[in-house]
């Protein structure tokens, strides 16, 4: 069992200036229901700008922005069944919809009453 996280590199804001610079950090150890992704592309949307500039008053610097990504799966936890290493994946804004209610069934995940937004 792995007891240490994995080294990673991102681009982080360290204050409200909006400037991003390289930032080394350690990702937590992969859990049973985790999918680990090597990020190839990451969009920066206006939500990220609000966070970078601490316009909502909840930024915790350094902050690595970007929550809409495309990459390849490099590892999966023991409980993951829908993805495998090597899969190309995208992570959009809505990742915690229930996928079982009427809204989700009609591809309106953004209206899911059970959704918990953990994506930024």
PDB file of N, CA and C in Angstrom:
ATOM      1  N   UNK A   1       0.840  -1.188   0.000  1.00  0.00           N
ATOM      2  CA  UNK A   1       0.000   0.000   0.000  1.00  0.00           C
ATOM      3  C   UNK A   1       0.885   1.251   0.000  1.00  0.00           C
ATOM      4  N   UNK A   2       0.546   2.182  -0.870  1.00  0.00           N
ATOM      5  CA  UNK A   2       1.303   3.425  -0.986  1.00  0.00           C
ATOM      6  C   UNK A   2       0.915   4.374   0.150  1.00  0.00           C
ATOM      7  N   UNK A   3       1.915   4.917   0.853  1.00  0.00           N
ATOM      8  CA  UNK A   3       1.650   5.798   1.981  1.00  0.00           C
ATOM      9  C   UNK A   3       1.953   7.257   1.667  1.00  0.00           C
ATOM     10  N   UNK A   4       2.609   7.523   0.543  1.00  0.00           N
ATOM     11  CA  UNK A   4       2.944   8.892   0.170  1.00  0.00           C
ATOM     12  C   UNK A   4       2.209   9.260  -1.102  1.00  0.00           C
ATOM     13  N   UNK A   5       1.893  10.547  -1.246  1.00  0.00           N
ATOM     14  CA  UNK A   5       1.240  11.016  -2.445  1.00  0.00           C
ATOM     15  C   UNK A   5       2.221  11.090  -3.606  1.00  0.00           C
ATOM     16  N   UNK A   6       1.713  11.527  -4.745  1.00  0.00           N
ATOM     17  CA  UNK A   6       2.501  11.629  -5.962  1.00  0.00           C
ATOM     18  C   UNK A   6       2.899  13.074  -6.215  1.00  0.00           C
ATOM     19  N   UNK A   7       4.150  13.285  -6.601  1.00  0.00           N
ATOM     20  CA  UNK A   7       4.618  14.638  -6.933  1.00  0.00           C
ATOM     21  C   UNK A   7       3.906  15.121  -8.191  1.00  0.00           C
ATOM     22  N   UNK A   8       3.548  16.396  -8.202  1.00  0.00           N
ATOM     23  CA  UNK A   8       2.847  16.982  -9.347  1.00  0.00           C
ATOM     24  C   UNK A   8       3.332  18.411  -9.563  1.00  0.00           C
ATOM     25  N   UNK A   9       3.093  18.913 -10.759  1.00  0.00           N
ATOM     26  CA  UNK A   9       3.442  20.289 -11.103  1.00  0.00           C
ATOM     27  C   UNK A   9       2.227  20.961 -11.699  1.00  0.00           C
ATOM     28  N   UNK A  10       1.915  22.146 -11.220  1.00  0.00           N
ATOM     29  CA  UNK A  10       0.812  22.932 -11.752  1.00  0.00           C
ATOM     30  C   UNK A  10       1.247  24.385 -11.869  1.00  0.00           C
ATOM     31  N   UNK A  11       0.329  25.206 -12.327  1.00  0.00           N
ATOM     32  CA  UNK A  11       0.558  26.648 -12.391  1.00  0.00           C
ATOM     33  C   UNK A  11      -0.358  27.276 -11.357  1.00  0.00           C
ATOM     34  N   UNK A  12       0.217  28.008 -10.424  1.00  0.00           N
ATOM     35  CA  UNK A  12      -0.544  28.520  -9.287  1.00  0.00           C
ATOM     36  C   UNK A  12      -0.508  30.031  -9.189  1.00  0.00           C
ATOM     37  N   UNK A  13      -1.618  30.569  -8.688  1.00  0.00           N
ATOM     38  CA  UNK A  13      -1.659  31.963  -8.257  1.00  0.00           C
ATOM     39  C   UNK A  13      -1.270  31.964  -6.787  1.00  0.00           C
ATOM     40  N   UNK A  14      -0.431  32.895  -6.410  1.00  0.00           N
ATOM     41  CA  UNK A  14       0.020  32.965  -5.021  1.00  0.00           C
ATOM     42  C   UNK A  14      -0.557  34.172  -4.281  1.00  0.00           C
ATOM     43  N   UNK A  15      -1.256  35.025  -5.045  1.00  0.00           N
ATOM     44  CA  UNK A  15      -1.895  36.199  -4.459  1.00  0.00           C
ATOM     45  C   UNK A  15      -2.929  36.708  -5.462  1.00  0.00           C
ATOM     46  N   UNK A  16      -3.544  37.835  -5.174  1.00  0.00           N
ATOM     47  CA  UNK A  16      -4.627  38.360  -6.012  1.00  0.00           C
ATOM     48  C   UNK A  16      -4.166  39.032  -7.305  1.00  0.00           C
ATOM     49  N   UNK A  17      -2.863  39.049  -7.581  1.00  0.00           N
ATOM     50  CA  UNK A  17      -2.355  39.707  -8.791  1.00  0.00           C
ATOM     51  C   UNK A  17      -2.827  39.030 -10.071  1.00  0.00           C
ATOM     52  N   UNK A  18      -3.149  37.756  -9.989  1.00  0.00           N
ATOM     53  CA  UNK A  18      -3.566  37.016 -11.177  1.00  0.00           C
ATOM     54  C   UNK A  18      -2.425  36.346 -11.913  1.00  0.00           C
ATOM     55  N   UNK A  19      -1.188  36.592 -11.488  1.00  0.00           N
ATOM     56  CA  UNK A  19      -0.034  35.971 -12.133  1.00  0.00           C
ATOM     57  C   UNK A  19       0.068  34.513 -11.718  1.00  0.00           C
ATOM     58  N   UNK A  20       0.318  33.645 -12.703  1.00  0.00           N
ATOM     59  CA  UNK A  20       0.507  32.223 -12.435  1.00  0.00           C
ATOM     60  C   UNK A  20       1.976  31.876 -12.605  1.00  0.00           C
ATOM     61  N   UNK A  21       2.467  30.994 -11.758  1.00  0.00           N
ATOM     62  CA  UNK A  21       3.852  30.549 -11.846  1.00  0.00           C
ATOM     63  C   UNK A  21       3.899  29.057 -11.519  1.00  0.00           C
ATOM     64  N   UNK A  22       4.967  28.362 -11.957  1.00  0.00           N
ATOM     65  CA  UNK A  22       5.069  26.923 -11.678  1.00  0.00           C
ATOM     66  C   UNK A  22       5.000  26.645 -10.177  1.00  0.00           C
ATOM     67  N   UNK A  23       4.324  25.556  -9.841  1.00  0.00           N
ATOM     68  CA  UNK A  23       4.103  25.205  -8.438  1.00  0.00           C
ATOM     69  C   UNK A  23       4.177  23.689  -8.277  1.00  0.00           C
ATOM     70  N   UNK A  24       5.125  23.241  -7.482  1.00  0.00           N
ATOM     71  CA  UNK A  24       5.253  21.807  -7.190  1.00  0.00           C
ATOM     72  C   UNK A  24       4.451  21.487  -5.936  1.00  0.00           C
ATOM     73  N   UNK A  25       3.725  20.376  -5.981  1.00  0.00           N
ATOM     74  CA  UNK A  25       2.933  19.960  -4.830  1.00  0.00           C
ATOM     75  C   UNK A  25       2.808  18.443  -4.831  1.00  0.00           C
ATOM     76  N   UNK A  26       2.245  17.907  -3.777  1.00  0.00           N
ATOM     77  CA  UNK A  26       2.058  16.468  -3.668  1.00  0.00           C
ATOM     78  C   UNK A  26       0.571  16.159  -3.659  1.00  0.00           C
ATOM     79  N   UNK A  27       0.155  15.300  -4.586  1.00  0.00           N
ATOM     80  CA  UNK A  27      -1.239  14.864  -4.631  1.00  0.00           C
ATOM     81  C   UNK A  27      -1.451  13.805  -3.566  1.00  0.00           C
ATOM     82  N   UNK A  28      -2.644  13.721  -3.035  1.00  0.00           N
ATOM     83  CA  UNK A  28      -2.925  12.713  -2.010  1.00  0.00           C
ATOM     84  C   UNK A  28      -2.878  11.319  -2.632  1.00  0.00           C
ATOM     85  N   UNK A  29      -2.753  10.322  -1.796  1.00  0.00           N
ATOM     86  CA  UNK A  29      -2.734   8.935  -2.239  1.00  0.00           C
ATOM     87  C   UNK A  29      -4.088   8.595  -2.864  1.00  0.00           C
ATOM     88  N   UNK A  30      -4.052   7.898  -3.993  1.00  0.00           N
ATOM     89  CA  UNK A  30      -5.281   7.509  -4.680  1.00  0.00           C
ATOM     90  C   UNK A  30      -6.154   6.650  -3.770  1.00  0.00           C
ATOM     91  N   UNK A  31      -7.436   6.983  -3.719  1.00  0.00           N
ATOM     92  CA  UNK A  31      -8.407   6.261  -2.900  1.00  0.00           C
ATOM     93  C   UNK A  31      -9.169   5.239  -3.753  1.00  0.00           C
ATOM     94  N   UNK A  32      -9.970   4.421  -3.103  1.00  0.00           N
ATOM     95  CA  UNK A  32     -10.691   3.334  -3.765  1.00  0.00           C
ATOM     96  C   UNK A  32     -11.580   3.810  -4.906  1.00  0.00           C
ATOM     97  N   UNK A  33     -12.195   4.981  -4.774  1.00  0.00           N
ATOM     98  CA  UNK A  33     -13.115   5.464  -5.800  1.00  0.00           C
ATOM     99  C   UNK A  33     -12.519   6.584  -6.659  1.00  0.00           C
ATOM    100  N   UNK A  34     -11.205   6.743  -6.648  1.00  0.00           N
ATOM    101  CA  UNK A  34     -10.529   7.795  -7.411  1.00  0.00           C
ATOM    102  C   UNK A  34     -10.137   7.338  -8.809  1.00  0.00           C
ATOM    103  N   UNK A  35     -10.099   8.294  -9.719  1.00  0.00           N
ATOM    104  CA  UNK A  35      -9.524   8.124 -11.051  1.00  0.00           C
ATOM    105  C   UNK A  35      -8.400   9.150 -11.148  1.00  0.00           C
ATOM    106  N   UNK A  36      -7.187   8.694 -11.407  1.00  0.00           N
ATOM    107  CA  UNK A  36      -6.050   9.602 -11.552  1.00  0.00           C
ATOM    108  C   UNK A  36      -5.885   9.913 -13.032  1.00  0.00           C
ATOM    109  N   UNK A  37      -5.749  11.203 -13.337  1.00  0.00           N
ATOM    110  CA  UNK A  37      -5.702  11.663 -14.726  1.00  0.00           C
ATOM    111  C   UNK A  37      -4.441  12.482 -14.956  1.00  0.00           C
ATOM    112  N   UNK A  38      -3.732  12.174 -16.041  1.00  0.00           N
ATOM    113  CA  UNK A  38      -2.655  13.045 -16.502  1.00  0.00           C
ATOM    114  C   UNK A  38      -3.321  14.094 -17.382  1.00  0.00           C
ATOM    115  N   UNK A  39      -3.260  15.343 -16.961  1.00  0.00           N
ATOM    116  CA  UNK A  39      -3.957  16.428 -17.648  1.00  0.00           C
ATOM    117  C   UNK A  39      -3.154  16.883 -18.860  1.00  0.00           C
ATOM    118  N   UNK A  40      -3.804  16.872 -20.027  1.00  0.00           N
ATOM    119  CA  UNK A  40      -3.191  17.376 -21.253  1.00  0.00           C
ATOM    120  C   UNK A  40      -3.635  18.809 -21.543  1.00  0.00           C
ATOM    121  N   UNK A  41      -4.902  19.106 -21.290  1.00  0.00           N
ATOM    122  CA  UNK A  41      -5.460  20.427 -21.572  1.00  0.00           C
ATOM    123  C   UNK A  41      -6.350  20.850 -20.413  1.00  0.00           C
ATOM    124  N   UNK A  42      -6.297  22.128 -20.092  1.00  0.00           N
ATOM    125  CA  UNK A  42      -7.105  22.661 -19.006  1.00  0.00           C
ATOM    126  C   UNK A  42      -7.593  24.042 -19.393  1.00  0.00           C
ATOM    127  N   UNK A  43      -8.894  24.239 -19.297  1.00  0.00           N
ATOM    128  CA  UNK A  43      -9.454  25.548 -19.578  1.00  0.00           C
ATOM    129  C   UNK A  43      -9.457  26.417 -18.333  1.00  0.00           C
ATOM    130  N   UNK A  44      -9.346  27.701 -18.529  1.00  0.00           N
ATOM    131  CA  UNK A  44      -9.486  28.669 -17.450  1.00  0.00           C
ATOM    132  C   UNK A  44     -10.740  29.473 -17.766  1.00  0.00           C
ATOM    133  N   UNK A  45     -11.750  29.341 -16.917  1.00  0.00           N
ATOM    134  CA  UNK A  45     -12.993  30.068 -17.149  1.00  0.00           C
ATOM    135  C   UNK A  45     -13.093  31.221 -16.147  1.00  0.00           C
ATOM    136  N   UNK A  46     -14.183  31.940 -16.210  1.00  0.00           N
ATOM    137  CA  UNK A  46     -14.299  33.111 -15.339  1.00  0.00           C
ATOM    138  C   UNK A  46     -14.407  32.722 -13.868  1.00  0.00           C
ATOM    139  N   UNK A  47     -14.919  31.528 -13.578  1.00  0.00           N
ATOM    140  CA  UNK A  47     -14.929  31.053 -12.192  1.00  0.00           C
ATOM    141  C   UNK A  47     -13.508  31.032 -11.643  1.00  0.00           C
ATOM    142  N   UNK A  48     -12.567  30.531 -12.461  1.00  0.00           N
ATOM    143  CA  UNK A  48     -11.169  30.495 -12.037  1.00  0.00           C
ATOM    144  C   UNK A  48     -10.634  31.895 -11.769  1.00  0.00           C
ATOM    145  N   UNK A  49     -11.009  32.853 -12.598  1.00  0.00           N
ATOM    146  CA  UNK A  49     -10.545  34.228 -12.390  1.00  0.00           C
ATOM    147  C   UNK A  49     -11.075  34.794 -11.080  1.00  0.00           C
ATOM    148  N   UNK A  50     -12.336  34.492 -10.759  1.00  0.00           N
ATOM    149  CA  UNK A  50     -12.889  34.932  -9.465  1.00  0.00           C
ATOM    150  C   UNK A  50     -12.063  34.360  -8.313  1.00  0.00           C
ATOM    151  N   UNK A  51     -11.711  33.076  -8.431  1.00  0.00           N
ATOM    152  CA  UNK A  51     -10.955  32.422  -7.359  1.00  0.00           C
ATOM    153  C   UNK A  51      -9.541  32.982  -7.279  1.00  0.00           C
ATOM    154  N   UNK A  52      -8.867  33.095  -8.440  1.00  0.00           N
ATOM    155  CA  UNK A  52      -7.496  33.617  -8.464  1.00  0.00           C
ATOM    156  C   UNK A  52      -7.427  34.990  -7.800  1.00  0.00           C
ATOM    157  N   UNK A  53      -8.392  35.842  -8.109  1.00  0.00           N
ATOM    158  CA  UNK A  53      -8.376  37.211  -7.585  1.00  0.00           C
ATOM    159  C   UNK A  53      -9.077  37.348  -6.232  1.00  0.00           C
ATOM    160  N   UNK A  54      -9.506  36.212  -5.682  1.00  0.00           N
ATOM    161  CA  UNK A  54     -10.184  36.154  -4.388  1.00  0.00           C
ATOM    162  C   UNK A  54     -11.408  37.063  -4.332  1.00  0.00           C
ATOM    163  N   UNK A  55     -12.138  37.135  -5.433  1.00  0.00           N
ATOM    164  CA  UNK A  55     -13.318  37.991  -5.490  1.00  0.00           C
ATOM    165  C   UNK A  55     -14.483  37.439  -4.683  1.00  0.00           C
ATOM    166  N   UNK A  56     -14.439  36.173  -4.327  1.00  0.00           N
ATOM    167  CA  UNK A  56     -15.487  35.573  -3.498  1.00  0.00           C
ATOM    168  C   UNK A  56     -15.035  35.434  -2.045  1.00  0.00           C
ATOM    169  N   UNK A  57     -13.800  35.851  -1.761  1.00  0.00           N
ATOM    170  CA  UNK A  57     -13.301  35.857  -0.395  1.00  0.00           C
ATOM    171  C   UNK A  57     -12.962  34.499   0.193  1.00  0.00           C
ATOM    172  N   UNK A  58     -12.793  33.478  -0.650  1.00  0.00           N
ATOM    173  CA  UNK A  58     -12.512  32.151  -0.100  1.00  0.00           C
ATOM    174  C   UNK A  58     -11.275  31.488  -0.712  1.00  0.00           C
ATOM    175  N   UNK A  59     -10.430  32.249  -1.395  1.00  0.00           N
ATOM    176  CA  UNK A  59      -9.223  31.671  -2.004  1.00  0.00           C
ATOM    177  C   UNK A  59      -8.239  31.259  -0.920  1.00  0.00           C
ATOM    178  N   UNK A  60      -7.607  30.116  -1.149  1.00  0.00           N
ATOM    179  CA  UNK A  60      -6.563  29.633  -0.248  1.00  0.00           C
ATOM    180  C   UNK A  60      -5.292  29.490  -1.081  1.00  0.00           C
ATOM    181  N   UNK A  61      -4.419  30.482  -0.968  1.00  0.00           N
ATOM    182  CA  UNK A  61      -3.196  30.517  -1.786  1.00  0.00           C
ATOM    183  C   UNK A  61      -2.131  29.599  -1.215  1.00  0.00           C
ATOM    184  N   UNK A  62      -1.301  29.015  -2.072  1.00  0.00           N
ATOM    185  CA  UNK A  62      -1.385  29.068  -3.530  1.00  0.00           C
ATOM    186  C   UNK A  62      -2.574  28.251  -4.033  1.00  0.00           C
ATOM    187  N   UNK A  63      -3.167  28.707  -5.132  1.00  0.00           N
ATOM    188  CA  UNK A  63      -4.307  28.026  -5.729  1.00  0.00           C
ATOM    189  C   UNK A  63      -3.975  27.681  -7.176  1.00  0.00           C
ATOM    190  N   UNK A  64      -4.207  26.429  -7.548  1.00  0.00           N
ATOM    191  CA  UNK A  64      -4.007  25.967  -8.922  1.00  0.00           C
ATOM    192  C   UNK A  64      -5.373  25.991  -9.599  1.00  0.00           C
ATOM    193  N   UNK A  65      -5.612  26.949 -10.504  1.00  0.00           N
ATOM    194  CA  UNK A  65      -6.923  27.060 -11.132  1.00  0.00           C
ATOM    195  C   UNK A  65      -7.107  26.023 -12.236  1.00  0.00           C
ATOM    196  N   UNK A  66      -8.337  25.902 -12.664  1.00  0.00           N
ATOM    197  CA  UNK A  66      -8.675  25.019 -13.770  1.00  0.00           C
ATOM    198  C   UNK A  66      -9.439  23.812 -13.300  1.00  0.00           C
ATOM    199  N   UNK A  67     -10.694  23.703 -13.697  1.00  0.00           N
ATOM    200  CA  UNK A  67     -11.508  22.569 -13.285  1.00  0.00           C
ATOM    201  C   UNK A  67     -12.256  21.954 -14.462  1.00  0.00           C
ATOM    202  N   UNK A  68     -11.882  22.314 -15.670  1.00  0.00           N
ATOM    203  CA  UNK A  68     -12.446  21.721 -16.874  1.00  0.00           C
ATOM    204  C   UNK A  68     -11.253  21.200 -17.668  1.00  0.00           C
ATOM    205  N   UNK A  69     -11.099  19.861 -17.693  1.00  0.00           N
ATOM    206  CA  UNK A  69      -9.846  19.293 -18.190  1.00  0.00           C
ATOM    207  C   UNK A  69     -10.064  18.140 -19.158  1.00  0.00           C
ATOM    208  N   UNK A  70      -9.033  17.853 -19.938  1.00  0.00           N
ATOM    209  CA  UNK A  70      -8.967  16.679 -20.806  1.00  0.00           C
ATOM    210  C   UNK A  70      -7.619  16.020 -20.560  1.00  0.00           C
ATOM    211  N   UNK A  71      -7.639  14.705 -20.455  1.00  0.00           N
ATOM    212  CA  UNK A  71      -6.396  13.986 -20.222  1.00  0.00           C
ATOM    213  C   UNK A  71      -6.571  12.500 -20.429  1.00  0.00           C
ATOM    214  N   UNK A  72      -5.637  11.741 -19.879  1.00  0.00           N
ATOM    215  CA  UNK A  72      -5.674  10.286 -19.995  1.00  0.00           C
ATOM    216  C   UNK A  72      -5.607   9.689 -18.593  1.00  0.00           C
ATOM    217  N   UNK A  73      -6.377   8.631 -18.375  1.00  0.00           N
ATOM    218  CA  UNK A  73      -6.389   7.946 -17.085  1.00  0.00           C
ATOM    219  C   UNK A  73      -5.063   7.216 -16.903  1.00  0.00           C
ATOM    220  N   UNK A  74      -4.419   7.469 -15.767  1.00  0.00           N
ATOM    221  CA  UNK A  74      -3.155   6.791 -15.465  1.00  0.00           C
ATOM    222  C   UNK A  74      -3.315   5.770 -14.351  1.00  0.00           C
ATOM    223  N   UNK A  75      -4.431   5.818 -13.638  1.00  0.00           N
ATOM    224  CA  UNK A  75      -4.668   4.850 -12.580  1.00  0.00           C
ATOM    225  C   UNK A  75      -6.079   4.958 -12.059  1.00  0.00           C
ATOM    226  N   UNK A  76      -6.594   3.844 -11.536  1.00  0.00           N
ATOM    227  CA  UNK A  76      -7.931   3.838 -10.957  1.00  0.00           C
ATOM    228  C   UNK A  76      -7.898   3.101  -9.624  1.00  0.00           C
ATOM    229  N   UNK A  77      -8.768   3.518  -8.721  1.00  0.00           N
ATOM    230  CA  UNK A  77      -8.903   2.835  -7.441  1.00  0.00           C
ATOM    231  C   UNK A  77      -9.638   1.514  -7.620  1.00  0.00           C
ATOM    232  N   UNK A  78      -9.567   0.674  -6.607  1.00  0.00           N
ATOM    233  CA  UNK A  78     -10.151  -0.670  -6.666  1.00  0.00           C
ATOM    234  C   UNK A  78     -11.659  -0.653  -6.901  1.00  0.00           C
ATOM    235  N   UNK A  79     -12.347   0.413  -6.511  1.00  0.00           N
ATOM    236  CA  UNK A  79     -13.793   0.472  -6.672  1.00  0.00           C
ATOM    237  C   UNK A  79     -14.262   1.074  -7.988  1.00  0.00           C
ATOM    238  N   UNK A  80     -13.353   1.469  -8.844  1.00  0.00           N
ATOM    239  CA  UNK A  80     -13.712   2.111 -10.114  1.00  0.00           C
ATOM    240  C   UNK A  80     -13.945   1.035 -11.172  1.00  0.00           C
ATOM    241  N   UNK A  81     -15.105   1.116 -11.852  1.00  0.00           N
ATOM    242  CA  UNK A  81     -15.446   0.108 -12.858  1.00  0.00           C
ATOM    243  C   UNK A  81     -15.666   0.682 -14.257  1.00  0.00           C
ATOM    244  N   UNK A  82     -15.871   1.978 -14.376  1.00  0.00           N
ATOM    245  CA  UNK A  82     -16.207   2.555 -15.680  1.00  0.00           C
ATOM    246  C   UNK A  82     -15.018   3.115 -16.440  1.00  0.00           C
ATOM    247  N   UNK A  83     -13.840   3.165 -15.804  1.00  0.00           N
ATOM    248  CA  UNK A  83     -12.652   3.701 -16.455  1.00  0.00           C
ATOM    249  C   UNK A  83     -11.482   2.771 -16.199  1.00  0.00           C
ATOM    250  N   UNK A  84     -10.506   2.865 -17.117  1.00  0.00           N
ATOM    251  CA  UNK A  84      -9.280   2.079 -16.961  1.00  0.00           C
ATOM    252  C   UNK A  84      -8.103   2.907 -17.447  1.00  0.00           C
ATOM    253  N   UNK A  85      -6.910   2.529 -17.021  1.00  0.00           N
ATOM    254  CA  UNK A  85      -5.705   3.226 -17.464  1.00  0.00           C
ATOM    255  C   UNK A  85      -5.672   3.237 -18.990  1.00  0.00           C
ATOM    256  N   UNK A  86      -5.323   4.395 -19.539  1.00  0.00           N
ATOM    257  CA  UNK A  86      -5.251   4.560 -20.990  1.00  0.00           C
ATOM    258  C   UNK A  86      -6.475   5.221 -21.598  1.00  0.00           C
ATOM    259  N   UNK A  87      -7.597   5.274 -20.881  1.00  0.00           N
ATOM    260  CA  UNK A  87      -8.803   5.935 -21.393  1.00  0.00           C
ATOM    261  C   UNK A  87      -8.575   7.435 -21.511  1.00  0.00           C
ATOM    262  N   UNK A  88      -9.018   8.022 -22.612  1.00  0.00           N
ATOM    263  CA  UNK A  88      -9.039   9.476 -22.750  1.00  0.00           C
ATOM    264  C   UNK A  88     -10.309   9.972 -22.088  1.00  0.00           C
ATOM    265  N   UNK A  89     -10.179  10.989 -21.221  1.00  0.00           N
ATOM    266  CA  UNK A  89     -11.329  11.466 -20.459  1.00  0.00           C
ATOM    267  C   UNK A  89     -11.386  12.985 -20.444  1.00  0.00           C
ATOM    268  N   UNK A  90     -12.561  13.483 -20.178  1.00  0.00           N
ATOM    269  CA  UNK A  90     -12.770  14.904 -19.969  1.00  0.00           C
ATOM    270  C   UNK A  90     -13.535  15.090 -18.680  1.00  0.00           C
ATOM    271  N   UNK A  91     -13.209  16.126 -17.949  1.00  0.00           N
ATOM    272  CA  UNK A  91     -13.918  16.462 -16.721  1.00  0.00           C
ATOM    273  C   UNK A  91     -14.527  17.833 -16.936  1.00  0.00           C
ATOM    274  N   UNK A  92     -15.833  17.875 -16.874  1.00  0.00           N
ATOM    275  CA  UNK A  92     -16.530  19.136 -17.051  1.00  0.00           C
ATOM    276  C   UNK A  92     -16.848  19.778 -15.725  1.00  0.00           C
ATOM    277  N   UNK A  93     -17.644  20.791 -15.774  1.00  0.00           N
ATOM    278  CA  UNK A  93     -17.993  21.539 -14.581  1.00  0.00           C
ATOM    279  C   UNK A  93     -18.844  20.717 -13.622  1.00  0.00           C
ATOM    280  N   UNK A  94     -19.781  19.941 -14.161  1.00  0.00           N
ATOM    281  CA  UNK A  94     -20.692  19.173 -13.315  1.00  0.00           C
ATOM    282  C   UNK A  94     -20.207  17.736 -13.214  1.00  0.00           C
ATOM    283  N   UNK A  95     -19.645  17.385 -12.073  1.00  0.00           N
ATOM    284  CA  UNK A  95     -19.121  16.031 -11.902  1.00  0.00           C
ATOM    285  C   UNK A  95     -19.800  15.284 -10.765  1.00  0.00           C
ATOM    286  N   UNK A  96     -20.724  15.884 -10.058  1.00  0.00           N
ATOM    287  CA  UNK A  96     -21.324  15.223  -8.909  1.00  0.00           C
ATOM    288  C   UNK A  96     -22.847  15.162  -9.010  1.00  0.00           C
ATOM    289  N   UNK A  97     -23.378  15.106 -10.236  1.00  0.00           N
ATOM    290  CA  UNK A  97     -24.821  14.933 -10.376  1.00  0.00           C
ATOM    291  C   UNK A  97     -25.152  13.470 -10.114  1.00  0.00           C
ATOM    292  N   UNK A  98     -26.398  13.192  -9.770  1.00  0.00           N
ATOM    293  CA  UNK A  98     -26.767  11.840  -9.346  1.00  0.00           C
ATOM    294  C   UNK A  98     -26.873  10.851 -10.508  1.00  0.00           C
ATOM    295  N   UNK A  99     -27.104  11.345 -11.718  1.00  0.00           N
ATOM    296  CA  UNK A  99     -27.253  10.529 -12.927  1.00  0.00           C
ATOM    297  C   UNK A  99     -28.452   9.596 -12.866  1.00  0.00           C
ATOM    298  N   UNK A 100     -29.361   9.803 -11.894  1.00  0.00           N
ATOM    299  CA  UNK A 100     -30.512   8.929 -11.773  1.00  0.00           C
ATOM    300  C   UNK A 100     -31.853   9.637 -11.781  1.00  0.00           C
ATOM    301  N   UNK A 101     -31.850  10.943 -11.559  1.00  0.00           N
ATOM    302  CA  UNK A 101     -33.113  11.680 -11.510  1.00  0.00           C
ATOM    303  C   UNK A 101     -33.580  12.040 -12.927  1.00  0.00           C
ATOM    304  N   UNK A 102     -34.764  12.620 -13.006  1.00  0.00           N
ATOM    305  CA  UNK A 102     -35.336  12.983 -14.302  1.00  0.00           C
ATOM    306  C   UNK A 102     -34.449  13.986 -15.055  1.00  0.00           C
ATOM    307  N   UNK A 103     -33.935  14.999 -14.341  1.00  0.00           N
ATOM    308  CA  UNK A 103     -33.067  15.991 -14.991  1.00  0.00           C
ATOM    309  C   UNK A 103     -31.828  15.332 -15.581  1.00  0.00           C
ATOM    310  N   UNK A 104     -31.162  14.509 -14.791  1.00  0.00           N
ATOM    311  CA  UNK A 104     -29.954  13.828 -15.275  1.00  0.00           C
ATOM    312  C   UNK A 104     -30.281  12.909 -16.442  1.00  0.00           C
ATOM    313  N   UNK A 105     -31.411  12.212 -16.359  1.00  0.00           N
ATOM    314  CA  UNK A 105     -31.820  11.303 -17.427  1.00  0.00           C
ATOM    315  C   UNK A 105     -32.099  12.005 -18.735  1.00  0.00           C
ATOM    316  N   UNK A 106     -32.413  13.293 -18.667  1.00  0.00           N
ATOM    317  CA  UNK A 106     -32.673  14.090 -19.862  1.00  0.00           C
ATOM    318  C   UNK A 106     -31.489  14.966 -20.238  1.00  0.00           C
ATOM    319  N   UNK A 107     -30.310  14.638 -19.682  1.00  0.00           N
ATOM    320  CA  UNK A 107     -29.061  15.345 -19.961  1.00  0.00           C
ATOM    321  C   UNK A 107     -29.074  16.803 -19.504  1.00  0.00           C
ATOM    322  N   UNK A 108     -29.766  17.055 -18.397  1.00  0.00           N
ATOM    323  CA  UNK A 108     -29.782  18.376 -17.766  1.00  0.00           C
ATOM    324  C   UNK A 108     -29.154  18.272 -16.380  1.00  0.00           C
ATOM    325  N   UNK A 109     -27.904  17.759 -16.337  1.00  0.00           N
ATOM    326  CA  UNK A 109     -27.224  17.560 -15.060  1.00  0.00           C
ATOM    327  C   UNK A 109     -27.117  18.849 -14.253  1.00  0.00           C
ATOM    328  N   UNK A 110     -27.064  19.981 -14.936  1.00  0.00           N
ATOM    329  CA  UNK A 110     -26.931  21.259 -14.239  1.00  0.00           C
ATOM    330  C   UNK A 110     -28.153  21.597 -13.396  1.00  0.00           C
ATOM    331  N   UNK A 111     -29.262  20.871 -13.583  1.00  0.00           N
ATOM    332  CA  UNK A 111     -30.460  21.087 -12.778  1.00  0.00           C
ATOM    333  C   UNK A 111     -30.675  19.990 -11.736  1.00  0.00           C
ATOM    334  N   UNK A 112     -29.732  19.099 -11.570  1.00  0.00           N
ATOM    335  CA  UNK A 112     -29.847  17.993 -10.619  1.00  0.00           C
ATOM    336  C   UNK A 112     -29.959  18.545  -9.193  1.00  0.00           C
ATOM    337  N   UNK A 113     -31.057  18.212  -8.523  1.00  0.00           N
ATOM    338  CA  UNK A 113     -31.273  18.698  -7.155  1.00  0.00           C
ATOM    339  C   UNK A 113     -30.345  18.021  -6.151  1.00  0.00           C
ATOM    340  N   UNK A 114     -29.796  16.867  -6.504  1.00  0.00           N
ATOM    341  CA  UNK A 114     -28.932  16.121  -5.587  1.00  0.00           C
ATOM    342  C   UNK A 114     -27.450  16.429  -5.792  1.00  0.00           C
ATOM    343  N   UNK A 115     -27.138  17.249  -6.791  1.00  0.00           N
ATOM    344  CA  UNK A 115     -25.745  17.519  -7.134  1.00  0.00           C
ATOM    345  C   UNK A 115     -25.022  18.269  -6.015  1.00  0.00           C
ATOM    346  N   UNK A 116     -23.819  17.850  -5.781  1.00  0.00           N
ATOM    347  CA  UNK A 116     -22.909  18.557  -4.877  1.00  0.00           C
ATOM    348  C   UNK A 116     -21.729  18.988  -5.735  1.00  0.00           C
ATOM    349  N   UNK A 117     -21.461  20.273  -5.817  1.00  0.00           N
ATOM    350  CA  UNK A 117     -20.377  20.755  -6.660  1.00  0.00           C
ATOM    351  C   UNK A 117     -19.072  20.724  -5.877  1.00  0.00           C
ATOM    352  N   UNK A 118     -18.204  19.790  -6.226  1.00  0.00           N
ATOM    353  CA  UNK A 118     -16.902  19.651  -5.578  1.00  0.00           C
ATOM    354  C   UNK A 118     -15.774  19.985  -6.539  1.00  0.00           C
ATOM    355  N   UNK A 119     -16.094  20.676  -7.601  1.00  0.00           N
ATOM    356  CA  UNK A 119     -15.174  20.787  -8.721  1.00  0.00           C
ATOM    357  C   UNK A 119     -14.261  22.003  -8.687  1.00  0.00           C
ATOM    358  N   UNK A 120     -14.386  22.859  -7.731  1.00  0.00           N
ATOM    359  CA  UNK A 120     -13.442  23.981  -7.621  1.00  0.00           C
ATOM    360  C   UNK A 120     -13.322  24.438  -6.205  1.00  0.00           C
TER     361      UNK A 120
END
